[in-house]
Amino acid sequence: MSFLSPSLRLENLPSEPIMTLDHIPEEKRYNKNNIVAKWCAPINGKMYRIELEHGTTTGRRMIWVNGKEVLRRDWMFKLVGEDTFYIDQARCIIRVDPAPGFRYEYSLYIDGKPHEQYTDELTKQYRLWLVSIEDNEYRIMLELDTVNLFVNDQLRTETGEFVDGGTDTKFTENGNEFILQARSSGNKLDGLTHTLIANGEVIPEAKILEVMQEPFSILSST
C-alpha cells in the first residue's frame, strides 16, 4: 500500500531540478548585487558591459551583456572552469579560477586575448565623444580603419563632404546638429585629426580607457 498522493508518485516527479530561474522574467532575474565581476569593452564600434554572477552556494553561473542574459548554468557542482559566448561575432571566454582563502579569480578573454590587452589594442582604433544635450545623451564613436561612425551603437550612413583640408560629416539627432571634422595634421605619422562639433560647440574627445572604468555611466542597464 502506498501512502503517497498520486501527484507525488515517483513517475510523476520532475527529472530535472526545479530550482531554476526559468519561471522568473529576465528583467527580474538581473540583480546587480549578485554580480561578482564586470568588464567593459568596445566591440565592432559598440560598447558592451559584461557581467558575471557566480553563485558559490547555489552552483549557478550567469553571464549578462548590457543587462541581457546570454548564458546561464544551474546546479554546477564544479565552481571553476570557463564558459564561452559570443558578442557580435567576437568569441568571449570567462574563466573562473581558484584563489587563496576560498576565493575565486575571474578573467575575460575576447578573441583569444586577455581583456586588458584586447581593449588596449582596440581603443587605439577608435575615437570617442560623449555629448549631453538637455535630457539626451549621445555616445559617438569613430572607427579609424573603416571610418564607420556610430551614434549610440547605431551605424550612421552619412558620408563625409570634401572641404578645404579634409572632410566634414554632418548628421542630426533629435534636432541637434553634429559635424565630425577630419583634417590633415600635416604629419604623416599622426595622420588625420578629428574634431566633433555639436550645435556649433567643440566637444572634447573622451578617453576610452578612462570611460570604461565607469561603464554604467555610458551604458544603459537594458
Protein backbone atom coordinates (compact mmCIF):
# COMPACT_ATOMS: atom_id res chain seq x y z
CA MET A 1 0.00 0.00 0.00
CA SER A 2 1.35 3.42 -0.91
CA PHE A 3 0.77 6.48 1.24
CA LEU A 4 1.96 8.86 -1.48
CA SER A 5 -0.65 11.01 -3.13
CA PRO A 6 -0.99 10.37 -6.89
CA SER A 7 0.77 13.64 -7.69
CA LEU A 8 3.82 12.65 -5.61
CA ARG A 9 4.46 9.22 -7.10
CA LEU A 10 7.99 8.72 -8.44
CA GLU A 11 6.83 8.53 -12.05
CA ASN A 12 5.27 12.00 -11.67
CA LEU A 13 8.32 13.72 -10.19
CA PRO A 14 10.34 16.03 -12.49
CA SER A 15 13.53 14.53 -13.88
CA GLU A 16 15.39 17.87 -13.64
CA PRO A 17 15.84 20.24 -10.67
CA ILE A 18 13.01 22.71 -10.30
CA MET A 19 15.16 25.37 -8.63
CA THR A 20 15.86 27.24 -11.85
CA LEU A 21 15.01 30.78 -12.85
CA ASP A 22 13.04 29.98 -15.98
CA HIS A 23 9.79 30.98 -14.35
CA ILE A 24 11.14 34.44 -13.45
CA PRO A 25 11.09 37.20 -16.11
CA GLU A 26 14.56 38.18 -17.33
CA GLU A 27 14.32 41.75 -16.06
CA LYS A 28 13.69 40.38 -12.56
CA ARG A 29 16.45 37.77 -12.76
CA TYR A 30 19.04 40.52 -13.11
CA ASN A 31 20.30 41.67 -9.73
CA LYS A 32 23.41 43.84 -9.67
CA ASN A 33 24.02 42.79 -6.06
CA ASN A 34 24.79 39.27 -7.32
CA ILE A 35 27.44 40.42 -9.79
CA VAL A 36 30.97 39.33 -8.81
CA ALA A 37 32.90 40.67 -11.82
CA LYS A 38 32.27 43.13 -14.63
CA TRP A 39 34.12 44.41 -17.64
CA CYS A 40 33.52 46.96 -20.39
CA ALA A 41 34.82 46.64 -23.94
CA PRO A 42 34.34 48.18 -27.39
CA ILE A 43 33.43 45.52 -29.98
CA ASN A 44 32.78 46.45 -33.61
CA GLY A 45 32.08 50.07 -32.77
CA LYS A 46 29.75 49.36 -29.88
CA MET A 47 30.36 49.48 -26.15
CA TYR A 48 29.42 46.42 -24.12
CA ARG A 49 29.13 45.83 -20.39
CA ILE A 50 29.85 42.20 -19.48
CA GLU A 51 28.90 40.94 -16.03
CA LEU A 52 29.27 37.62 -14.24
CA GLU A 53 27.16 36.11 -11.50
CA HIS A 54 28.93 33.23 -9.73
CA GLY A 55 26.86 31.57 -7.03
CA THR A 56 29.23 29.53 -4.89
CA THR A 57 26.38 28.19 -2.76
CA THR A 58 23.70 27.82 -5.45
CA GLY A 59 26.05 26.50 -8.14
CA ARG A 60 24.56 28.98 -10.58
CA ARG A 61 26.65 30.83 -13.14
CA MET A 62 25.13 33.61 -15.24
CA ILE A 63 26.61 35.97 -17.81
CA TRP A 64 24.95 39.25 -18.70
CA VAL A 65 25.75 41.56 -21.63
CA ASN A 66 24.30 45.06 -21.33
CA GLY A 67 21.78 43.73 -18.84
CA LYS A 68 20.67 40.83 -21.06
CA GLU A 69 21.21 37.22 -20.04
CA VAL A 70 23.40 35.40 -22.58
CA LEU A 71 24.34 32.30 -20.59
CA ARG A 72 23.05 30.53 -17.50
CA ARG A 73 24.09 27.28 -15.86
CA ASP A 74 22.18 25.97 -12.84
CA TRP A 75 23.35 23.46 -10.26
CA MET A 76 27.01 23.41 -11.24
CA PHE A 77 28.99 21.28 -8.81
CA LYS A 78 32.32 22.39 -10.29
CA LEU A 79 32.71 26.04 -9.37
CA VAL A 80 35.79 26.69 -11.53
CA GLY A 81 36.26 26.47 -15.28
CA GLU A 82 35.35 28.54 -18.31
CA ASP A 83 32.30 29.49 -20.35
CA THR A 84 32.25 30.60 -23.98
CA PHE A 85 29.81 33.04 -25.55
CA TYR A 86 29.76 35.45 -28.48
CA ILE A 87 29.23 39.20 -28.77
CA ASP A 88 28.72 40.46 -32.30
CA GLN A 89 30.78 37.53 -33.68
CA ALA A 90 33.59 38.13 -31.19
CA ARG A 91 34.42 34.96 -29.22
CA CYS A 92 34.43 35.63 -25.49
CA ILE A 93 35.53 33.38 -22.65
CA ILE A 94 35.11 33.97 -18.92
CA ARG A 95 37.43 31.89 -16.74
CA VAL A 96 36.84 31.16 -13.08
CA ASP A 97 40.00 30.10 -11.24
CA PRO A 98 40.57 29.29 -7.58
CA ALA A 99 42.36 31.86 -5.42
CA PRO A 100 43.83 31.62 -1.91
CA GLY A 101 41.43 31.78 1.00
CA PHE A 102 38.50 30.01 -0.66
CA ARG A 103 38.13 32.85 -3.13
CA TYR A 104 37.95 33.00 -6.91
CA GLU A 105 39.56 34.98 -9.69
CA TYR A 106 37.61 35.97 -12.79
CA SER A 107 39.15 36.65 -16.21
CA LEU A 108 37.66 37.70 -19.54
CA TYR A 109 39.20 36.87 -22.91
CA ILE A 110 37.99 38.36 -26.20
CA ASP A 111 39.11 36.80 -29.48
CA GLY A 112 41.83 34.94 -27.62
CA LYS A 113 43.27 37.99 -25.88
CA PRO A 114 43.02 38.99 -22.21
CA HIS A 115 40.51 41.80 -21.70
CA GLU A 116 43.16 44.36 -20.79
CA GLN A 117 45.28 43.61 -23.87
CA TYR A 118 42.26 43.48 -26.17
CA THR A 119 40.85 46.82 -25.03
CA ASP A 120 44.26 48.49 -25.03
CA GLU A 121 44.84 47.48 -28.66
CA LEU A 122 41.32 48.14 -29.84
CA THR A 123 40.85 51.54 -28.26
CA LYS A 124 43.69 52.82 -30.40
CA GLN A 125 41.46 52.16 -33.40
CA TYR A 126 38.61 54.36 -32.18
CA ARG A 127 37.77 57.92 -31.24
CA LEU A 128 35.02 58.58 -28.72
CA TRP A 129 32.94 61.60 -27.76
CA LEU A 130 30.28 61.80 -25.05
CA VAL A 131 27.70 64.53 -25.52
CA SER A 132 24.92 65.57 -23.16
CA ILE A 133 22.28 67.93 -24.56
CA GLU A 134 19.34 68.66 -22.28
CA ASP A 135 17.88 65.23 -21.44
CA ASN A 136 19.64 63.39 -24.27
CA GLU A 137 22.93 61.51 -24.05
CA TYR A 138 24.97 60.72 -27.16
CA ARG A 139 27.89 58.33 -27.41
CA ILE A 140 29.67 58.91 -30.71
CA MET A 141 32.40 56.52 -31.83
CA LEU A 142 34.53 56.68 -34.96
CA GLU A 143 36.33 53.57 -36.21
CA LEU A 144 39.51 54.86 -37.78
CA ASP A 145 40.23 51.96 -40.16
CA THR A 146 36.79 51.83 -41.75
CA VAL A 147 35.70 55.43 -40.99
CA ASN A 148 32.44 53.91 -39.70
CA LEU A 149 30.57 56.33 -37.45
CA PHE A 150 28.36 55.03 -34.62
CA VAL A 151 25.88 57.09 -32.63
CA ASN A 152 24.60 55.29 -29.53
CA ASP A 153 25.70 51.99 -31.11
CA GLN A 154 23.85 52.68 -34.36
CA LEU A 155 25.88 52.81 -37.58
CA ARG A 156 25.30 56.05 -39.48
CA THR A 157 25.02 56.15 -43.25
CA GLU A 158 26.15 59.74 -43.83
CA THR A 159 29.31 60.21 -45.85
CA GLY A 160 31.86 62.97 -45.49
CA GLU A 161 31.84 66.01 -47.75
CA PHE A 162 35.17 67.20 -49.08
CA VAL A 163 36.18 70.62 -47.80
CA ASP A 164 39.41 72.55 -47.76
CA GLY A 165 41.93 70.46 -45.83
CA GLY A 166 39.73 67.40 -45.21
CA THR A 167 36.10 66.26 -44.86
CA ASP A 168 33.00 67.18 -42.85
CA THR A 169 30.45 64.54 -41.93
CA LYS A 170 27.15 66.13 -40.93
CA PHE A 171 24.25 64.43 -39.14
CA THR A 172 21.36 65.32 -36.87
CA GLU A 173 19.86 63.70 -33.79
CA ASN A 174 16.67 64.94 -32.12
CA GLY A 175 17.08 68.27 -33.88
CA ASN A 176 20.70 68.64 -32.76
CA GLU A 177 23.27 69.28 -35.47
CA PHE A 178 26.61 67.46 -35.41
CA ILE A 179 29.67 67.85 -37.59
CA LEU A 180 32.61 65.47 -37.49
CA GLN A 181 35.61 67.19 -38.99
CA ALA A 182 38.60 65.28 -40.33
CA ARG A 183 41.66 67.37 -41.08
CA SER A 184 45.22 66.63 -42.06
CA SER A 185 47.62 67.01 -39.16
CA GLY A 186 50.44 67.92 -41.53
CA ASN A 187 52.41 64.98 -40.12
CA LYS A 188 52.35 61.61 -41.88
CA LEU A 189 52.89 59.77 -38.61
CA ASP A 190 49.92 61.44 -36.93
CA GLY A 191 47.60 61.15 -39.92
CA LEU A 192 44.22 62.87 -39.59
CA THR A 193 42.89 64.78 -36.61
CA HIS A 194 39.19 64.56 -35.76
CA THR A 195 37.00 67.18 -34.13
CA LEU A 196 33.34 66.85 -33.18
CA ILE A 197 31.12 69.93 -33.16
CA ALA A 198 27.63 69.79 -31.64
CA ASN A 199 25.32 72.74 -32.21
CA GLY A 200 28.33 74.89 -33.01
CA GLU A 201 30.29 73.87 -29.89
CA VAL A 202 33.50 71.85 -29.98
CA ILE A 203 33.17 68.65 -27.90
CA PRO A 204 36.31 67.38 -26.14
CA GLU A 205 37.34 63.85 -27.01
CA ALA A 206 36.78 61.25 -24.29
CA LYS A 207 39.49 58.81 -23.24
CA ILE A 208 38.04 55.37 -23.85
CA LEU A 209 40.15 53.57 -21.25
CA GLU A 210 39.07 56.03 -18.56
CA VAL A 211 35.43 55.86 -19.61
CA MET A 212 35.48 52.07 -19.40
CA GLN A 213 36.30 52.28 -15.72
CA GLU A 214 32.74 53.51 -15.15
CA PRO A 215 30.68 51.54 -17.70
CA PHE A 216 27.37 52.29 -16.03
CA SER A 217 27.78 55.94 -16.94
CA ILE A 218 27.76 55.19 -20.67
CA LEU A 219 25.70 52.01 -20.94
CA SER A 220 22.07 51.50 -20.07
CA SER A 221 21.11 48.54 -17.95
CA THR A 222 18.82 47.16 -20.64
